[in-house]
Structures are given as structure tokens and as C-alpha cells.
């Protein structure tokens, strides 16, 4: 559809640089390792948005780190649908494991609340949450986030894994997206 294509060609400007992201990811990795001692950690990345953040974070955590992925969907374009559904489940049992759930962004908290409830039912030893971005302006669900990369204003952001209908994930920085208006 031509209208959607022209809207998606909006402008964007840098909110958080690639260098700032890199520095903060190293700090988060050190903090996560310090909180878990020498114990093995299983990172669970929420697909697809967290994949770049999770890859960098995994390399920033010394010691034993396992990787798992969980796919969920709650967005269409720039709007939340209000419903969360699992699109890809874990491939391993997490019973008794130290879990760190890796999110790209926490906005309303709907997805995170769903994931925390779902993962806790699987009896991990511990469950903590790390998010690259925290956008509290629309928070309608109270959720605990243990590690936050950056608090951001109420804006639609793309880059470093975050997308607009699967586009812009490959940008190295976090960008504020402004749609073209006719």
C-alpha cells in the first residue's frame, strides 16, 4: 500500500548513539555478573527486538551464559494491539535456572507482565529483567525491571533491534522516528 510506504519513510534523529549503547551494555553485563556471582546465567531474549542487545550483552557477561529465545507479538506498526501471544516458545526447560529476561523496550508493561507470569510458572531459580530502554510514559502495568539501560521520553523509537513493521532494526543507534505527514 502506497500510503503506508510513504508514512514509513518518515525522518529519524539520534536519541542514543552507538557509543553510548556500547558503554552501557558493558556496565549492565558487569552488574548482572556481580549479582549472580559465579553461577550460570540463562539469558532469554524476546524476539525479535532484543536480538542485537542480547548478543552484545551476552559478550559483556563473563562466565557461563546460556542463550534462549522467546517470541512474542503485541504490536502492529506503532500501536500495541493490547494482546500478547507467544510466537516462538523456549527450546529448553528453565526449571532451577538463573534467568535474565532480555527486553529491548518496556513501554506499557503488558508484554513484560505476561512474560514474567509465564516464566515464573516454569520454576526458575531466579528471574530478573533487563531492558535496554524504559519508556514509563505509557506504563499501565506495574512491572519490576531490575536493570535499565536508558530511560527515554514518550517517542516512537527505532534502531539497534527496534523496528517499524520489521524495518530499521539494523540502525546502530536508537533513533526517534517521526512519520511524514501529508
Protein backbone atom coordinates (compact mmCIF):
# COMPACT_ATOMS: atom_id res chain seq x y z
CA UNK A 1 0.00 0.00 0.00
CA UNK A 2 1.47 3.30 -1.11
CA UNK A 3 0.15 5.35 1.84
CA UNK A 4 1.77 3.03 4.37
CA UNK A 5 5.03 3.04 2.41
CA UNK A 6 5.18 6.86 2.32
CA UNK A 7 4.32 7.08 6.03
CA UNK A 8 7.08 4.63 6.89
CA UNK A 9 9.57 6.89 5.14
CA UNK A 10 9.43 9.40 7.96
CA UNK A 11 12.52 11.05 9.36
CA UNK A 12 14.58 9.98 12.32
CA UNK A 13 17.19 11.55 14.55
CA UNK A 14 19.60 10.02 17.03
CA UNK A 15 18.44 9.77 20.64
CA UNK A 16 21.16 7.40 21.92
CA UNK A 17 24.40 6.89 19.98
CA UNK A 18 26.02 3.56 19.23
CA UNK A 19 28.90 4.54 21.54
CA UNK A 20 26.53 5.29 24.44
CA UNK A 21 24.79 1.94 23.90
CA UNK A 22 28.09 0.07 23.85
CA UNK A 23 29.30 1.66 27.09
CA UNK A 24 26.01 0.99 28.89
CA UNK A 25 25.83 -2.64 27.74
CA UNK A 26 29.28 -3.29 29.26
CA UNK A 27 28.11 -1.74 32.55
CA UNK A 28 24.93 -3.86 32.54
CA UNK A 29 26.91 -7.03 31.84
CA UNK A 30 29.21 -6.35 34.79
CA UNK A 31 26.25 -5.62 37.08
CA UNK A 32 24.40 -8.79 36.04
CA UNK A 33 27.51 -10.92 36.64
CA UNK A 34 28.13 -9.29 40.04
CA UNK A 35 24.54 -10.02 41.10
CA UNK A 36 24.81 -13.71 40.11
CA UNK A 37 28.29 -14.49 41.38
CA UNK A 38 29.87 -17.45 39.59
CA UNK A 39 26.53 -19.12 38.84
CA UNK A 40 25.42 -19.92 35.32
CA UNK A 41 23.03 -17.40 33.79
CA UNK A 42 20.45 -18.10 31.10
CA UNK A 43 19.57 -15.08 29.01
CA UNK A 44 16.14 -15.27 27.40
CA UNK A 45 15.87 -12.84 24.53
CA UNK A 46 12.48 -11.60 23.47
CA UNK A 47 12.41 -11.87 19.67
CA UNK A 48 12.98 -10.04 17.50
CA UNK A 49 13.73 -6.67 19.06
CA UNK A 50 16.19 -7.79 21.72
CA UNK A 51 18.50 -9.81 19.50
CA UNK A 52 21.19 -7.14 18.95
CA UNK A 53 21.11 -6.05 22.58
CA UNK A 54 21.21 -9.66 23.77
CA UNK A 55 24.18 -10.53 21.53
CA UNK A 56 26.20 -7.61 22.88
CA UNK A 57 25.04 -8.23 26.46
CA UNK A 58 25.99 -11.93 26.32
CA UNK A 59 29.52 -10.96 25.32
CA UNK A 60 29.65 -8.42 28.17
CA UNK A 61 28.84 -11.01 30.89
CA UNK A 62 31.87 -13.03 31.96
CA UNK A 63 31.45 -16.70 32.90
CA UNK A 64 28.83 -19.26 31.93
CA UNK A 65 25.99 -17.78 29.92
CA UNK A 66 23.32 -19.79 28.10
CA UNK A 67 21.07 -18.29 25.43
CA UNK A 68 17.39 -18.96 24.84
CA UNK A 69 14.77 -17.13 22.79
CA UNK A 70 11.08 -16.45 23.22
CA UNK A 71 8.98 -14.88 20.51
CA UNK A 72 6.01 -12.70 21.38
CA UNK A 73 3.89 -10.26 19.49
CA UNK A 74 1.80 -7.35 20.71
CA UNK A 75 2.45 -4.58 18.17
CA UNK A 76 1.23 -3.72 14.70
CA UNK A 77 3.07 -0.73 13.27
CA UNK A 78 3.45 1.87 16.03
CA UNK A 79 0.44 0.70 18.08
CA UNK A 80 0.08 -2.02 20.68
CA UNK A 81 -2.74 -4.46 19.92
CA UNK A 82 -3.36 -4.92 23.66
CA UNK A 83 -2.95 -8.69 23.38
CA UNK A 84 0.23 -10.70 23.82
CA UNK A 85 0.77 -14.00 22.09
CA UNK A 86 3.73 -16.39 22.04
CA UNK A 87 5.06 -16.86 18.51
CA UNK A 88 8.13 -18.94 19.46
CA UNK A 89 8.50 -20.86 22.73
CA UNK A 90 11.67 -21.76 24.60
CA UNK A 91 13.60 -24.81 23.42
CA UNK A 92 14.88 -25.75 26.91
CA UNK A 93 13.48 -26.36 30.37
CA UNK A 94 14.32 -23.41 32.67
CA UNK A 95 13.48 -25.14 35.96
CA UNK A 96 16.11 -24.25 38.55
CA UNK A 97 17.99 -21.83 36.29
CA UNK A 98 19.02 -18.22 36.90
CA UNK A 99 17.05 -16.41 34.23
CA UNK A 100 17.64 -12.90 32.94
CA UNK A 101 14.85 -11.89 30.58
CA UNK A 102 16.24 -9.55 27.91
CA UNK A 103 13.83 -6.92 26.55
CA UNK A 104 14.51 -4.22 24.01
CA UNK A 105 11.95 -1.79 25.45
CA UNK A 106 9.42 -1.69 28.26
CA UNK A 107 6.51 0.60 27.39
CA UNK A 108 3.04 -0.24 28.72
CA UNK A 109 4.44 -3.24 30.61
CA UNK A 110 1.77 -5.52 29.12
CA UNK A 111 4.22 -7.85 27.37
CA UNK A 112 6.62 -7.92 30.31
CA UNK A 113 3.85 -8.69 32.82
CA UNK A 114 2.73 -11.58 30.62
CA UNK A 115 6.30 -12.89 30.25
CA UNK A 116 7.14 -12.68 33.95
CA UNK A 117 3.97 -14.61 34.82
CA UNK A 118 4.63 -17.20 32.09
CA UNK A 119 8.29 -17.74 33.01
CA UNK A 120 7.65 -17.89 36.77
CA UNK A 121 5.23 -20.77 36.13
CA UNK A 122 8.22 -22.70 34.76
CA UNK A 123 10.01 -22.59 38.16
CA UNK A 124 13.33 -20.84 37.51
CA UNK A 125 15.75 -20.46 40.44
CA UNK A 126 15.67 -16.70 39.89
CA UNK A 127 14.12 -14.35 37.35
CA UNK A 128 15.41 -10.87 36.67
CA UNK A 129 14.65 -8.47 33.86
CA UNK A 130 16.99 -6.30 31.84
CA UNK A 131 15.75 -3.80 29.29
CA UNK A 132 17.73 -1.59 27.00
CA UNK A 133 15.03 1.08 27.04
CA UNK A 134 12.44 2.05 29.65
CA UNK A 135 9.61 4.30 28.43
CA UNK A 136 7.43 4.85 31.53
CA UNK A 137 5.05 7.41 29.96
CA UNK A 138 2.51 4.74 28.89
CA UNK A 139 3.06 2.28 31.76
CA UNK A 140 -0.31 0.74 32.53
CA UNK A 141 1.01 -2.46 34.14
CA UNK A 142 3.22 -2.43 37.21
CA UNK A 143 6.31 -4.49 36.42
CA UNK A 144 9.71 -4.87 38.04
CA UNK A 145 12.71 -4.14 35.84
CA UNK A 146 15.98 -4.99 37.56
CA UNK A 147 18.39 -3.48 35.04
CA UNK A 148 17.66 -0.49 32.80
CA UNK A 149 19.91 0.71 30.03
CA UNK A 150 18.25 4.08 29.37
CA UNK A 151 15.04 5.85 30.33
CA UNK A 152 13.58 7.52 27.28
CA UNK A 153 10.84 10.08 26.61
CA UNK A 154 7.45 9.32 25.08
CA UNK A 155 8.52 8.89 21.47
CA UNK A 156 8.46 6.09 18.90
CA UNK A 157 11.98 4.74 18.61
CA UNK A 158 13.74 2.53 16.07
CA UNK A 159 17.20 1.04 15.65
CA UNK A 160 19.51 -1.38 17.45
CA UNK A 161 16.88 -4.10 17.08
CA UNK A 162 13.74 -1.97 17.42
CA UNK A 163 11.62 -1.78 14.31
CA UNK A 164 8.74 -0.25 12.46
CA UNK A 165 7.00 -3.14 10.70
CA UNK A 166 10.32 -5.05 10.55
CA UNK A 167 12.31 -2.11 9.16
CA UNK A 168 15.16 -0.11 10.73
CA UNK A 169 16.36 -2.85 13.12
CA UNK A 170 19.85 -2.59 11.65
CA UNK A 171 20.49 1.02 12.66
CA UNK A 172 23.43 1.10 15.13
CA UNK A 173 21.84 3.76 17.35
CA UNK A 174 18.43 4.45 18.89
CA UNK A 175 16.54 6.94 16.75
CA UNK A 176 13.32 8.86 17.31
CA UNK A 177 11.05 8.19 14.32
CA UNK A 178 8.78 10.97 13.05
CA UNK A 179 6.35 9.95 10.29
CA UNK A 180 5.91 12.07 7.19
CA UNK A 181 2.55 13.84 7.32
CA UNK A 182 0.71 14.98 4.22
